[in-house]
PDB file of N, CA and C in Angstrom:
ATOM      1  N   MET A   1     -11.457   4.960  14.254  1.00  0.00           N
ATOM      2  CA  MET A   1     -11.267   3.861  13.659  1.00  0.00           C
ATOM      3  C   MET A   1     -10.177   2.834  14.154  1.00  0.00           C
ATOM      4  N   THR A   2     -10.490   1.615  14.277  1.00  0.00           N
ATOM      5  CA  THR A   2      -9.411   0.649  14.959  1.00  0.00           C
ATOM      6  C   THR A   2      -8.392   0.087  14.184  1.00  0.00           C
ATOM      7  N   LEU A   3      -7.355  -0.367  14.648  1.00  0.00           N
ATOM      8  CA  LEU A   3      -6.450  -1.161  14.026  1.00  0.00           C
ATOM      9  C   LEU A   3      -7.062  -2.261  13.257  1.00  0.00           C
ATOM     10  N   GLU A   4      -7.714  -3.044  14.001  1.00  0.00           N
ATOM     11  CA  GLU A   4      -8.260  -4.323  13.694  1.00  0.00           C
ATOM     12  C   GLU A   4      -9.286  -4.186  12.312  1.00  0.00           C
ATOM     13  N   GLU A   5      -9.828  -2.840  12.116  1.00  0.00           N
ATOM     14  CA  GLU A   5     -10.563  -2.475  11.128  1.00  0.00           C
ATOM     15  C   GLU A   5      -9.943  -2.491   9.666  1.00  0.00           C
ATOM     16  N   LEU A   6      -8.566  -2.209   9.741  1.00  0.00           N
ATOM     17  CA  LEU A   6      -7.944  -2.269   8.576  1.00  0.00           C
ATOM     18  C   LEU A   6      -7.636  -3.565   7.951  1.00  0.00           C
ATOM     19  N   GLU A   7      -7.660  -4.627   8.679  1.00  0.00           N
ATOM     20  CA  GLU A   7      -7.347  -5.857   8.081  1.00  0.00           C
ATOM     21  C   GLU A   7      -8.556  -6.037   6.905  1.00  0.00           C
ATOM     22  N   GLY A   8      -7.893  -6.707   5.787  1.00  0.00           N
ATOM     23  CA  GLY A   8      -8.463  -6.867   4.646  1.00  0.00           C
ATOM     24  C   GLY A   8      -7.817  -6.948   3.391  1.00  0.00           C
ATOM     25  N   GLU A   9      -8.732  -7.086   2.402  1.00  0.00           N
ATOM     26  CA  GLU A   9      -8.057  -6.657   0.908  1.00  0.00           C
ATOM     27  C   GLU A   9      -8.434  -5.532   0.149  1.00  0.00           C
ATOM     28  N   TYR A  10      -7.809  -4.710  -0.662  1.00  0.00           N
ATOM     29  CA  TYR A  10      -8.097  -3.615  -1.189  1.00  0.00           C
ATOM     30  C   TYR A  10      -7.682  -3.782  -2.526  1.00  0.00           C
ATOM     31  N   ILE A  11      -8.402  -3.041  -3.449  1.00  0.00           N
ATOM     32  CA  ILE A  11      -8.106  -2.793  -4.708  1.00  0.00           C
ATOM     33  C   ILE A  11      -7.361  -1.390  -4.710  1.00  0.00           C
ATOM     34  N   ILE A  12      -6.267  -1.442  -5.442  1.00  0.00           N
ATOM     35  CA  ILE A  12      -5.411  -0.226  -5.646  1.00  0.00           C
ATOM     36  C   ILE A  12      -5.291   0.426  -6.949  1.00  0.00           C
ATOM     37  N   GLU A  13      -5.164   1.652  -6.906  1.00  0.00           N
ATOM     38  CA  GLU A  13      -4.940   2.408  -8.245  1.00  0.00           C
ATOM     39  C   GLU A  13      -3.712   3.408  -7.676  1.00  0.00           C
ATOM     40  N   GLY A  14      -2.835   3.552  -8.651  1.00  0.00           N
ATOM     41  CA  GLY A  14      -1.700   4.528  -8.261  1.00  0.00           C
ATOM     42  C   GLY A  14      -1.003   5.103  -9.396  1.00  0.00           C
ATOM     43  N   SER A  15       0.118   5.926  -8.832  1.00  0.00           N
ATOM     44  CA  SER A  15       0.881   6.562  -9.926  1.00  0.00           C
ATOM     45  C   SER A  15       2.382   6.489  -9.536  1.00  0.00           C
ATOM     46  N   ASN A  16       3.205   6.288 -10.210  1.00  0.00           N
ATOM     47  CA  ASN A  16       4.424   6.119  -9.767  1.00  0.00           C
ATOM     48  C   ASN A  16       5.245   7.544  -9.704  1.00  0.00           C
ATOM     49  N   GLN A  17       6.278   7.468  -9.027  1.00  0.00           N
ATOM     50  CA  GLN A  17       7.110   8.621  -8.490  1.00  0.00           C
ATOM     51  C   GLN A  17       8.088   9.047  -9.370  1.00  0.00           C
ATOM     52  N   ASP A  18       7.446   9.764 -10.535  1.00  0.00           N
ATOM     53  CA  ASP A  18       8.311  10.220 -11.812  1.00  0.00           C
ATOM     54  C   ASP A  18       7.188  11.342 -12.618  1.00  0.00           C
ATOM     55  N   ALA A  19       7.988  11.993 -13.427  1.00  0.00           N
ATOM     56  CA  ALA A  19       7.316  13.169 -13.726  1.00  0.00           C
ATOM     57  C   ALA A  19       6.284  12.604 -15.184  1.00  0.00           C
ATOM     58  N   ALA A  20       6.413  11.566 -15.424  1.00  0.00           N
ATOM     59  CA  ALA A  20       5.418  10.899 -16.572  1.00  0.00           C
ATOM     60  C   ALA A  20       4.220  10.441 -16.062  1.00  0.00           C
ATOM     61  N   THR A  21       3.976  10.314 -14.633  1.00  0.00           N
ATOM     62  CA  THR A  21       3.113   9.894 -13.793  1.00  0.00           C
ATOM     63  C   THR A  21       2.482   8.574 -14.576  1.00  0.00           C
ATOM     64  N   HIS A  22       3.289   7.432 -14.640  1.00  0.00           N
ATOM     65  CA  HIS A  22       3.067   6.107 -15.033  1.00  0.00           C
ATOM     66  C   HIS A  22       2.169   5.465 -13.811  1.00  0.00           C
ATOM     67  N   THR A  23       0.900   5.064 -14.371  1.00  0.00           N
ATOM     68  CA  THR A  23      -0.106   4.332 -13.456  1.00  0.00           C
ATOM     69  C   THR A  23      -0.108   2.970 -13.350  1.00  0.00           C
ATOM     70  N   TYR A  24      -0.511   2.445 -12.228  1.00  0.00           N
ATOM     71  CA  TYR A  24      -0.717   0.941 -12.063  1.00  0.00           C
ATOM     72  C   TYR A  24      -1.928   0.509 -11.411  1.00  0.00           C
ATOM     73  N   LYS A  25      -2.325  -0.598 -11.415  1.00  0.00           N
ATOM     74  CA  LYS A  25      -3.490  -1.114 -10.528  1.00  0.00           C
ATOM     75  C   LYS A  25      -2.855  -2.436  -9.611  1.00  0.00           C
ATOM     76  N   GLY A  26      -3.644  -2.880  -8.805  1.00  0.00           N
ATOM     77  CA  GLY A  26      -3.350  -3.962  -8.165  1.00  0.00           C
ATOM     78  C   GLY A  26      -4.047  -4.473  -6.848  1.00  0.00           C
ATOM     79  N   LYS A  27      -3.603  -5.180  -6.044  1.00  0.00           N
ATOM     80  CA  LYS A  27      -4.214  -5.400  -4.827  1.00  0.00           C
ATOM     81  C   LYS A  27      -3.410  -5.391  -3.677  1.00  0.00           C
ATOM     82  N   LEU A  28      -3.874  -4.838  -2.547  1.00  0.00           N
ATOM     83  CA  LEU A  28      -3.066  -4.858  -1.180  1.00  0.00           C
ATOM     84  C   LEU A  28      -3.817  -5.540  -0.111  1.00  0.00           C
ATOM     85  N   THR A  29      -3.202  -6.299   0.500  1.00  0.00           N
ATOM     86  CA  THR A  29      -3.491  -7.113   1.618  1.00  0.00           C
ATOM     87  C   THR A  29      -3.102  -6.595   3.066  1.00  0.00           C
ATOM     88  N   LEU A  30      -3.732  -6.487   3.944  1.00  0.00           N
ATOM     89  CA  LEU A  30      -3.331  -6.017   5.162  1.00  0.00           C
ATOM     90  C   LEU A  30      -3.751  -7.055   6.360  1.00  0.00           C
ATOM     91  N   LYS A  31      -2.716  -7.443   7.025  1.00  0.00           N
ATOM     92  CA  LYS A  31      -3.101  -8.338   8.371  1.00  0.00           C
ATOM     93  C   LYS A  31      -2.281  -7.694   9.524  1.00  0.00           C
ATOM     94  N   LEU A  32      -2.939  -8.377  10.451  1.00  0.00           N
ATOM     95  CA  LEU A  32      -1.985  -8.064  11.737  1.00  0.00           C
ATOM     96  C   LEU A  32      -1.136  -9.025  12.169  1.00  0.00           C
ATOM     97  N   ASP A  33       0.095  -8.741  12.691  1.00  0.00           N
ATOM     98  CA  ASP A  33       0.967  -9.842  13.302  1.00  0.00           C
ATOM     99  C   ASP A  33       0.544  -9.917  15.010  1.00  0.00           C
ATOM    100  N   GLU A  34       1.439 -10.865  15.420  1.00  0.00           N
ATOM    101  CA  GLU A  34       1.174 -11.111  16.823  1.00  0.00           C
ATOM    102  C   GLU A  34       1.645 -10.105  17.771  1.00  0.00           C
ATOM    103  N   ASN A  35       2.336  -8.758  17.060  1.00  0.00           N
ATOM    104  CA  ASN A  35       2.577  -7.669  17.861  1.00  0.00           C
ATOM    105  C   ASN A  35       1.638  -6.538  17.450  1.00  0.00           C
ATOM    106  N   ASN A  36       0.657  -6.830  16.850  1.00  0.00           N
ATOM    107  CA  ASN A  36      -0.310  -5.728  16.422  1.00  0.00           C
ATOM    108  C   ASN A  36       0.408  -4.783  15.203  1.00  0.00           C
ATOM    109  N   ARG A  37       1.344  -5.307  14.764  1.00  0.00           N
ATOM    110  CA  ARG A  37       2.142  -4.467  13.582  1.00  0.00           C
ATOM    111  C   ARG A  37       1.437  -4.754  12.258  1.00  0.00           C
ATOM    112  N   ILE A  38       1.092  -3.922  11.339  1.00  0.00           N
ATOM    113  CA  ILE A  38       0.499  -3.996   9.956  1.00  0.00           C
ATOM    114  C   ILE A  38       1.399  -4.905   9.182  1.00  0.00           C
ATOM    115  N   GLN A  39       1.087  -6.002   8.757  1.00  0.00           N
ATOM    116  CA  GLN A  39       1.882  -6.647   7.550  1.00  0.00           C
ATOM    117  C   GLN A  39       0.999  -6.434   6.152  1.00  0.00           C
ATOM    118  N   ALA A  40       1.843  -5.852   5.213  1.00  0.00           N
ATOM    119  CA  ALA A  40       1.230  -5.675   3.926  1.00  0.00           C
ATOM    120  C   ALA A  40       1.769  -6.350   2.811  1.00  0.00           C
ATOM    121  N   HIS A  41       1.217  -6.611   1.880  1.00  0.00           N
ATOM    122  CA  HIS A  41       1.482  -7.325   0.791  1.00  0.00           C
ATOM    123  C   HIS A  41       0.828  -6.692  -0.466  1.00  0.00           C
ATOM    124  N   TRP A  42       1.434  -6.317  -1.508  1.00  0.00           N
ATOM    125  CA  TRP A  42       0.927  -5.689  -2.683  1.00  0.00           C
ATOM    126  C   TRP A  42       1.106  -6.585  -3.833  1.00  0.00           C
ATOM    127  N   ILE A  43       0.486  -6.558  -4.670  1.00  0.00           N
ATOM    128  CA  ILE A  43       0.666  -7.066  -6.163  1.00  0.00           C
ATOM    129  C   ILE A  43       0.455  -6.057  -7.221  1.00  0.00           C
ATOM    130  N   ILE A  44       1.266  -5.760  -7.712  1.00  0.00           N
ATOM    131  CA  ILE A  44       1.121  -4.576  -8.860  1.00  0.00           C
ATOM    132  C   ILE A  44       1.216  -5.156 -10.127  1.00  0.00           C
ATOM    133  N   ASN A  45       0.061  -4.620 -11.029  1.00  0.00           N
ATOM    134  CA  ASN A  45       0.026  -5.103 -12.416  1.00  0.00           C
ATOM    135  C   ASN A  45       0.235  -6.621 -12.222  1.00  0.00           C
ATOM    136  N   GLU A  46      -0.437  -7.205 -11.564  1.00  0.00           N
ATOM    137  CA  GLU A  46      -0.430  -8.925 -11.737  1.00  0.00           C
ATOM    138  C   GLU A  46       0.821  -9.619 -11.773  1.00  0.00           C
ATOM    139  N   GLU A  47       1.898  -8.622 -11.380  1.00  0.00           N
ATOM    140  CA  GLU A  47       3.284  -9.360 -11.667  1.00  0.00           C
ATOM    141  C   GLU A  47       4.373  -8.939 -10.466  1.00  0.00           C
ATOM    142  N   GLN A  48       4.258  -7.634  -9.976  1.00  0.00           N
ATOM    143  CA  GLN A  48       5.026  -7.320  -9.228  1.00  0.00           C
ATOM    144  C   GLN A  48       4.789  -7.686  -7.739  1.00  0.00           C
ATOM    145  N   GLU A  49       5.487  -8.348  -6.808  1.00  0.00           N
ATOM    146  CA  GLU A  49       4.989  -8.242  -5.423  1.00  0.00           C
ATOM    147  C   GLU A  49       5.949  -7.361  -4.525  1.00  0.00           C
ATOM    148  N   GLN A  50       5.187  -6.798  -3.713  1.00  0.00           N
ATOM    149  CA  GLN A  50       5.904  -5.882  -2.515  1.00  0.00           C
ATOM    150  C   GLN A  50       5.351  -6.223  -1.164  1.00  0.00           C
ATOM    151  N   PHE A  51       6.279  -6.044  -0.170  1.00  0.00           N
ATOM    152  CA  PHE A  51       6.030  -6.380   1.258  1.00  0.00           C
ATOM    153  C   PHE A  51       6.312  -5.235   2.100  1.00  0.00           C
ATOM    154  N   GLY A  52       5.685  -5.207   3.271  1.00  0.00           N
ATOM    155  CA  GLY A  52       5.788  -4.086   4.145  1.00  0.00           C
ATOM    156  C   GLY A  52       5.423  -4.378   5.551  1.00  0.00           C
ATOM    157  N   GLU A  53       5.909  -3.507   6.561  1.00  0.00           N
ATOM    158  CA  GLU A  53       5.540  -3.633   7.944  1.00  0.00           C
ATOM    159  C   GLU A  53       5.225  -2.251   8.473  1.00  0.00           C
ATOM    160  N   GLY A  54       4.151  -1.929   9.117  1.00  0.00           N
ATOM    161  CA  GLY A  54       3.981  -0.683   9.604  1.00  0.00           C
ATOM    162  C   GLY A  54       3.329  -0.341  10.503  1.00  0.00           C
ATOM    163  N   PHE A  55       2.689   0.670  11.012  1.00  0.00           N
ATOM    164  CA  PHE A  55       1.898   1.082  12.349  1.00  0.00           C
ATOM    165  C   PHE A  55       0.913   2.018  11.872  1.00  0.00           C
ATOM    166  N   PHE A  56       0.014   2.207  12.840  1.00  0.00           N
ATOM    167  CA  PHE A  56      -1.221   3.052  12.757  1.00  0.00           C
ATOM    168  C   PHE A  56      -1.371   3.599  13.910  1.00  0.00           C
ATOM    169  N   LYS A  57      -1.693   5.109  13.738  1.00  0.00           N
ATOM    170  CA  LYS A  57      -2.124   5.891  14.825  1.00  0.00           C
ATOM    171  C   LYS A  57      -2.977   7.190  14.122  1.00  0.00           C
ATOM    172  N   ASN A  58      -3.963   7.729  14.935  1.00  0.00           N
ATOM    173  CA  ASN A  58      -4.813   8.689  14.567  1.00  0.00           C
ATOM    174  C   ASN A  58      -4.946   8.623  13.044  1.00  0.00           C
ATOM    175  N   ASN A  59      -5.797   7.567  12.721  1.00  0.00           N
ATOM    176  CA  ASN A  59      -6.101   7.325  11.316  1.00  0.00           C
ATOM    177  C   ASN A  59      -5.108   7.415  10.296  1.00  0.00           C
ATOM    178  N   ILE A  60      -3.575   7.509  10.629  1.00  0.00           N
ATOM    179  CA  ILE A  60      -2.606   7.426   9.708  1.00  0.00           C
ATOM    180  C   ILE A  60      -2.161   5.937   9.857  1.00  0.00           C
ATOM    181  N   LEU A  61      -1.674   5.322   8.543  1.00  0.00           N
ATOM    182  CA  LEU A  61      -0.969   4.244   8.409  1.00  0.00           C
ATOM    183  C   LEU A  61       0.346   4.519   7.689  1.00  0.00           C
ATOM    184  N   VAL A  62       1.292   4.064   8.451  1.00  0.00           N
ATOM    185  CA  VAL A  62       2.677   4.283   7.693  1.00  0.00           C
ATOM    186  C   VAL A  62       3.085   2.685   7.692  1.00  0.00           C
ATOM    187  N   ILE A  63       3.746   2.644   6.458  1.00  0.00           N
ATOM    188  CA  ILE A  63       4.281   1.151   5.973  1.00  0.00           C
ATOM    189  C   ILE A  63       5.674   1.260   5.440  1.00  0.00           C
ATOM    190  N   ASN A  64       6.692   0.723   5.741  1.00  0.00           N
ATOM    191  CA  ASN A  64       8.105   0.503   5.314  1.00  0.00           C
ATOM    192  C   ASN A  64       7.964  -0.482   4.335  1.00  0.00           C
ATOM    193  N   PHE A  65       8.269  -0.368   2.905  1.00  0.00           N
ATOM    194  CA  PHE A  65       8.114  -1.494   2.183  1.00  0.00           C
ATOM    195  C   PHE A  65       9.357  -1.930   1.287  1.00  0.00           C
ATOM    196  N   HIS A  66       9.408  -2.933   0.631  1.00  0.00           N
ATOM    197  CA  HIS A  66      10.393  -3.647  -0.164  1.00  0.00           C
ATOM    198  C   HIS A  66      10.047  -4.257  -1.114  1.00  0.00           C
ATOM    199  N   TYR A  67      10.691  -4.525  -2.279  1.00  0.00           N
ATOM    200  CA  TYR A  67      10.657  -5.404  -3.245  1.00  0.00           C
ATOM    201  C   TYR A  67      11.834  -5.676  -4.102  1.00  0.00           C
ATOM    202  N   TYR A  68      11.844  -6.653  -5.140  1.00  0.00           N
ATOM    203  CA  TYR A  68      12.941  -6.955  -5.763  1.00  0.00           C
ATOM    204  C   TYR A  68      12.480  -6.347  -7.068  1.00  0.00           C
ATOM    205  N   GLY A  69      13.502  -5.765  -7.551  1.00  0.00           N
ATOM    206  CA  GLY A  69      13.498  -4.897  -8.802  1.00  0.00           C
ATOM    207  C   GLY A  69      13.737  -6.162  -9.998  1.00  0.00           C
ATOM    208  N   GLU A  70      13.826  -5.829 -11.327  1.00  0.00           N
ATOM    209  CA  GLU A  70      13.945  -6.484 -12.382  1.00  0.00           C
ATOM    210  C   GLU A  70      15.560  -6.979 -12.490  1.00  0.00           C
ATOM    211  N   ASP A  71      16.231  -6.003 -11.785  1.00  0.00           N
ATOM    212  CA  ASP A  71      17.610  -6.327 -11.751  1.00  0.00           C
ATOM    213  C   ASP A  71      18.103  -7.196 -10.597  1.00  0.00           C
ATOM    214  N   LEU A  72      17.144  -7.776  -9.787  1.00  0.00           N
ATOM    215  CA  LEU A  72      17.275  -8.630  -8.487  1.00  0.00           C
ATOM    216  C   LEU A  72      17.696  -7.784  -7.444  1.00  0.00           C
ATOM    217  N   LEU A  73      17.785  -6.616  -7.508  1.00  0.00           N
ATOM    218  CA  LEU A  73      18.133  -5.776  -6.307  1.00  0.00           C
ATOM    219  C   LEU A  73      17.081  -5.278  -5.503  1.00  0.00           C
ATOM    220  N   ILE A  74      17.252  -4.979  -4.370  1.00  0.00           N
ATOM    221  CA  ILE A  74      16.009  -4.813  -3.318  1.00  0.00           C
ATOM    222  C   ILE A  74      15.873  -3.398  -3.328  1.00  0.00           C
ATOM    223  N   TYR A  75      14.648  -2.892  -3.249  1.00  0.00           N
ATOM    224  CA  TYR A  75      14.147  -1.523  -3.444  1.00  0.00           C
ATOM    225  C   TYR A  75      13.364  -1.246  -2.147  1.00  0.00           C
ATOM    226  N   LYS A  76      13.685  -0.042  -1.641  1.00  0.00           N
ATOM    227  CA  LYS A  76      12.742   0.318  -0.361  1.00  0.00           C
ATOM    228  C   LYS A  76      12.245   1.502  -0.483  1.00  0.00           C
ATOM    229  N   GLY A  77      11.141   1.724   0.416  1.00  0.00           N
ATOM    230  CA  GLY A  77      10.247   2.872   0.440  1.00  0.00           C
ATOM    231  C   GLY A  77       9.291   2.911   1.653  1.00  0.00           C
ATOM    232  N   THR A  78       8.602   3.781   1.582  1.00  0.00           N
ATOM    233  CA  THR A  78       7.662   4.321   2.847  1.00  0.00           C
ATOM    234  C   THR A  78       6.327   4.756   1.910  1.00  0.00           C
ATOM    235  N   VAL A  79       5.202   4.284   2.687  1.00  0.00           N
ATOM    236  CA  VAL A  79       3.969   4.718   2.110  1.00  0.00           C
ATOM    237  C   VAL A  79       3.065   5.222   3.283  1.00  0.00           C
ATOM    238  N   VAL A  80       2.480   6.275   3.151  1.00  0.00           N
ATOM    239  CA  VAL A  80       1.654   7.005   4.164  1.00  0.00           C
ATOM    240  C   VAL A  80       0.372   7.031   3.731  1.00  0.00           C
ATOM    241  N   TYR A  81      -0.799   6.266   4.442  1.00  0.00           N
ATOM    242  CA  TYR A  81      -1.798   6.274   4.121  1.00  0.00           C
ATOM    243  C   TYR A  81      -2.940   7.195   5.033  1.00  0.00           C
ATOM    244  N   ARG A  82      -3.874   7.970   4.520  1.00  0.00           N
ATOM    245  CA  ARG A  82      -4.703   8.585   5.466  1.00  0.00           C
ATOM    246  C   ARG A  82      -5.917   7.676   5.357  1.00  0.00           C
ATOM    247  N   CYS A  83      -6.550   7.200   6.365  1.00  0.00           N
ATOM    248  CA  CYS A  83      -7.543   6.240   6.501  1.00  0.00           C
ATOM    249  C   CYS A  83      -8.970   7.180   6.399  1.00  0.00           C
ATOM    250  N   ILE A  84      -9.445   7.404   5.318  1.00  0.00           N
ATOM    251  CA  ILE A  84     -10.708   8.171   5.165  1.00  0.00           C
ATOM    252  C   ILE A  84     -11.778   7.461   5.852  1.00  0.00           C
ATOM    253  N   THR A  85     -12.001   6.346   5.695  1.00  0.00           N
ATOM    254  CA  THR A  85     -12.952   5.637   6.260  1.00  0.00           C
ATOM    255  C   THR A  85     -12.220   4.187   6.354  1.00  0.00           C
ATOM    256  N   LYS A  86     -13.127   2.973   7.056  1.00  0.00           N
ATOM    257  CA  LYS A  86     -12.356   1.679   7.269  1.00  0.00           C
ATOM    258  C   LYS A  86     -12.254   1.015   5.896  1.00  0.00           C
ATOM    259  N   ASP A  87     -13.014   1.574   4.662  1.00  0.00           N
ATOM    260  CA  ASP A  87     -12.953   1.138   3.285  1.00  0.00           C
ATOM    261  C   ASP A  87     -12.030   1.622   2.580  1.00  0.00           C
ATOM    262  N   ILE A  88     -11.732   2.966   2.615  1.00  0.00           N
ATOM    263  CA  ILE A  88     -11.150   3.899   1.764  1.00  0.00           C
ATOM    264  C   ILE A  88      -9.729   4.287   2.407  1.00  0.00           C
ATOM    265  N   LEU A  89      -8.628   4.347   1.702  1.00  0.00           N
ATOM    266  CA  LEU A  89      -7.087   4.729   1.996  1.00  0.00           C
ATOM    267  C   LEU A  89      -6.708   5.703   1.095  1.00  0.00           C
ATOM    268  N   ASP A  90      -6.252   6.685   1.355  1.00  0.00           N
ATOM    269  CA  ASP A  90      -5.627   7.827   0.259  1.00  0.00           C
ATOM    270  C   ASP A  90      -4.073   7.894   0.835  1.00  0.00           C
ATOM    271  N   GLY A  91      -3.191   7.437  -0.027  1.00  0.00           N
ATOM    272  CA  GLY A  91      -1.960   7.667   0.190  1.00  0.00           C
ATOM    273  C   GLY A  91      -0.933   8.361  -0.603  1.00  0.00           C
ATOM    274  N   PHE A  92       0.227   8.466  -0.142  1.00  0.00           N
ATOM    275  CA  PHE A  92       1.483   8.968  -1.011  1.00  0.00           C
ATOM    276  C   PHE A  92       2.627   8.102  -0.585  1.00  0.00           C
ATOM    277  N   TRP A  93       3.579   7.949  -1.500  1.00  0.00           N
ATOM    278  CA  TRP A  93       4.645   6.992  -1.157  1.00  0.00           C
ATOM    279  C   TRP A  93       6.101   7.672  -1.951  1.00  0.00           C
ATOM    280  N   SER A  94       7.269   7.168  -1.450  1.00  0.00           N
ATOM    281  CA  SER A  94       8.580   7.609  -1.973  1.00  0.00           C
ATOM    282  C   SER A  94       9.456   6.444  -1.778  1.00  0.00           C
ATOM    283  N   GLU A  95      10.245   6.137  -2.768  1.00  0.00           N
ATOM    284  CA  GLU A  95      11.368   4.971  -2.546  1.00  0.00           C
ATOM    285  C   GLU A  95      12.695   5.828  -2.734  1.00  0.00           C
ATOM    286  N   GLU A  96      13.526   4.805  -2.153  1.00  0.00           N
ATOM    287  CA  GLU A  96      14.832   5.368  -1.953  1.00  0.00           C
ATOM    288  C   GLU A  96      15.656   6.013  -3.351  1.00  0.00           C
ATOM    289  N   TYR A  97      15.496   5.083  -4.506  1.00  0.00           N
ATOM    290  CA  TYR A  97      15.788   5.549  -5.753  1.00  0.00           C
ATOM    291  C   TYR A  97      14.945   6.275  -6.795  1.00  0.00           C
ATOM    292  N   GLY A  98      13.878   6.649  -6.064  1.00  0.00           N
ATOM    293  CA  GLY A  98      12.850   7.431  -7.004  1.00  0.00           C
ATOM    294  C   GLY A  98      13.208   8.600  -7.073  1.00  0.00           C
ATOM    295  N   ASN A  99      12.687   9.517  -8.227  1.00  0.00           N
ATOM    296  CA  ASN A  99      12.737  10.913  -8.438  1.00  0.00           C
ATOM    297  C   ASN A  99      12.533  11.829  -7.013  1.00  0.00           C
ATOM    298  N   PRO A 100      13.263  12.318  -6.519  1.00  0.00           N
ATOM    299  CA  PRO A 100      13.090  13.147  -5.359  1.00  0.00           C
ATOM    300  C   PRO A 100      12.165  14.191  -5.613  1.00  0.00           C
ATOM    301  N   LEU A 101      12.050  14.639  -6.872  1.00  0.00           N
ATOM    302  CA  LEU A 101      10.937  15.766  -7.135  1.00  0.00           C
ATOM    303  C   LEU A 101       9.577  15.317  -7.193  1.00  0.00           C
ATOM    304  N   TYR A 102       9.289  13.995  -7.076  1.00  0.00           N
ATOM    305  CA  TYR A 102       8.070  13.681  -7.114  1.00  0.00           C
ATOM    306  C   TYR A 102       7.557  12.700  -6.083  1.00  0.00           C
ATOM    307  N   LEU A 103       6.138  12.723  -5.644  1.00  0.00           N
ATOM    308  CA  LEU A 103       5.857  11.454  -4.827  1.00  0.00           C
ATOM    309  C   LEU A 103       4.901  10.667  -5.519  1.00  0.00           C
ATOM    310  N   GLY A 104       4.960   9.459  -5.337  1.00  0.00           N
ATOM    311  CA  GLY A 104       3.844   8.383  -5.989  1.00  0.00           C
ATOM    312  C   GLY A 104       2.583   8.744  -5.077  1.00  0.00           C
ATOM    313  N   GLU A 105       1.574   8.228  -5.709  1.00  0.00           N
ATOM    314  CA  GLU A 105       0.189   8.375  -5.031  1.00  0.00           C
ATOM    315  C   GLU A 105      -0.554   7.099  -5.140  1.00  0.00           C
ATOM    316  N   GLU A 106      -1.400   6.691  -4.393  1.00  0.00           N
ATOM    317  CA  GLU A 106      -2.066   5.342  -4.252  1.00  0.00           C
ATOM    318  C   GLU A 106      -3.487   5.620  -3.622  1.00  0.00           C
ATOM    319  N   ARG A 107      -4.399   4.945  -4.142  1.00  0.00           N
ATOM    320  CA  ARG A 107      -5.774   5.117  -3.558  1.00  0.00           C
ATOM    321  C   ARG A 107      -6.378   3.526  -3.318  1.00  0.00           C
ATOM    322  N   CYS A 108      -6.804   3.157  -2.185  1.00  0.00           N
ATOM    323  CA  CYS A 108      -7.220   1.837  -1.914  1.00  0.00           C
ATOM    324  C   CYS A 108      -8.820   1.902  -1.612  1.00  0.00           C
ATOM    325  N   ALA A 109      -9.417   0.923  -2.008  1.00  0.00           N
ATOM    326  CA  ALA A 109     -10.789   0.687  -1.749  1.00  0.00           C
ATOM    327  C   ALA A 109     -11.002  -0.589  -1.457  1.00  0.00           C
ATOM    328  N   ARG A 110     -11.654  -1.026  -0.325  1.00  0.00           N
ATOM    329  CA  ARG A 110     -11.717  -2.328   0.312  1.00  0.00           C
ATOM    330  C   ARG A 110     -12.567  -3.470  -0.584  1.00  0.00           C
ATOM    331  N   ILE A 111     -12.208  -4.450  -0.756  1.00  0.00           N
ATOM    332  CA  ILE A 111     -12.778  -5.443  -1.558  1.00  0.00           C
ATOM    333  C   ILE A 111     -13.899  -6.191  -0.844  1.00  0.00           C
ATOM    334  N   THR A 112     -15.144  -6.152  -0.853  1.00  0.00           N
ATOM    335  CA  THR A 112     -16.233  -6.773  -0.229  1.00  0.00           C
ATOM    336  C   THR A 112     -16.806  -7.982  -0.950  1.00  0.00           C
ATOM    337  N   GLN A 113     -17.144  -8.813   0.001  1.00  0.00           N
ATOM    338  CA  GLN A 113     -17.798 -10.065  -0.613  1.00  0.00           C
ATOM    339  C   GLN A 113     -19.360 -10.102  -0.475  1.00  0.00           C
ATOM    340  N   GLU A 114     -19.888  -9.915  -1.229  1.00  0.00           N
ATOM    341  CA  GLU A 114     -21.463 -10.125  -1.048  1.00  0.00           C
ATOM    342  C   GLU A 114     -21.837 -11.426  -1.107  1.00  0.00           C
ATOM    343  N   ILE A 115     -22.906 -11.757  -0.255  1.00  0.00           N
ATOM    344  CA  ILE A 115     -23.521 -12.972  -0.137  1.00  0.00           C
ATOM    345  C   ILE A 115     -24.890 -13.061  -0.891  1.00  0.00           C
ATOM    346  N   HIS A 116     -25.045 -14.089  -1.898  1.00  0.00           N
ATOM    347  CA  HIS A 116     -26.277 -13.892  -2.660  1.00  0.00           C
ATOM    348  C   HIS A 116     -26.959 -15.385  -2.203  1.00  0.00           C
ATOM    349  N   CYS A 117     -28.053 -15.369  -2.199  1.00  0.00           N
ATOM    350  CA  CYS A 117     -29.188 -16.564  -1.859  1.00  0.00           C
ATOM    351  C   CYS A 117     -29.807 -16.661  -2.814  1.00  0.00           C
TER     352      CYS A 117
END
């Protein structure tokens, strides 16, 4: 799998870093910048934006992310995705103020556009 094959939009489903396993859905967009670094943008539950930058090697994608909480503070974390195929990513994540006893989980499936004639 190549870095360029990761670019695109993905539907995501995940669970938060807590004992209650609160779930969420959203969209992830991956793009390459001029230095071939991954630029990530998440929309979680149609309301929260998160941003990240990462790198890719041996079918593993690592992204350091950040977002503004409801308290307007910046929260940071890291997500690690195993690239099952170019269309399916399986990951886990942790953020700095999350419960250290748990990891969040996230699964991503590429959004494909079909052309109908």
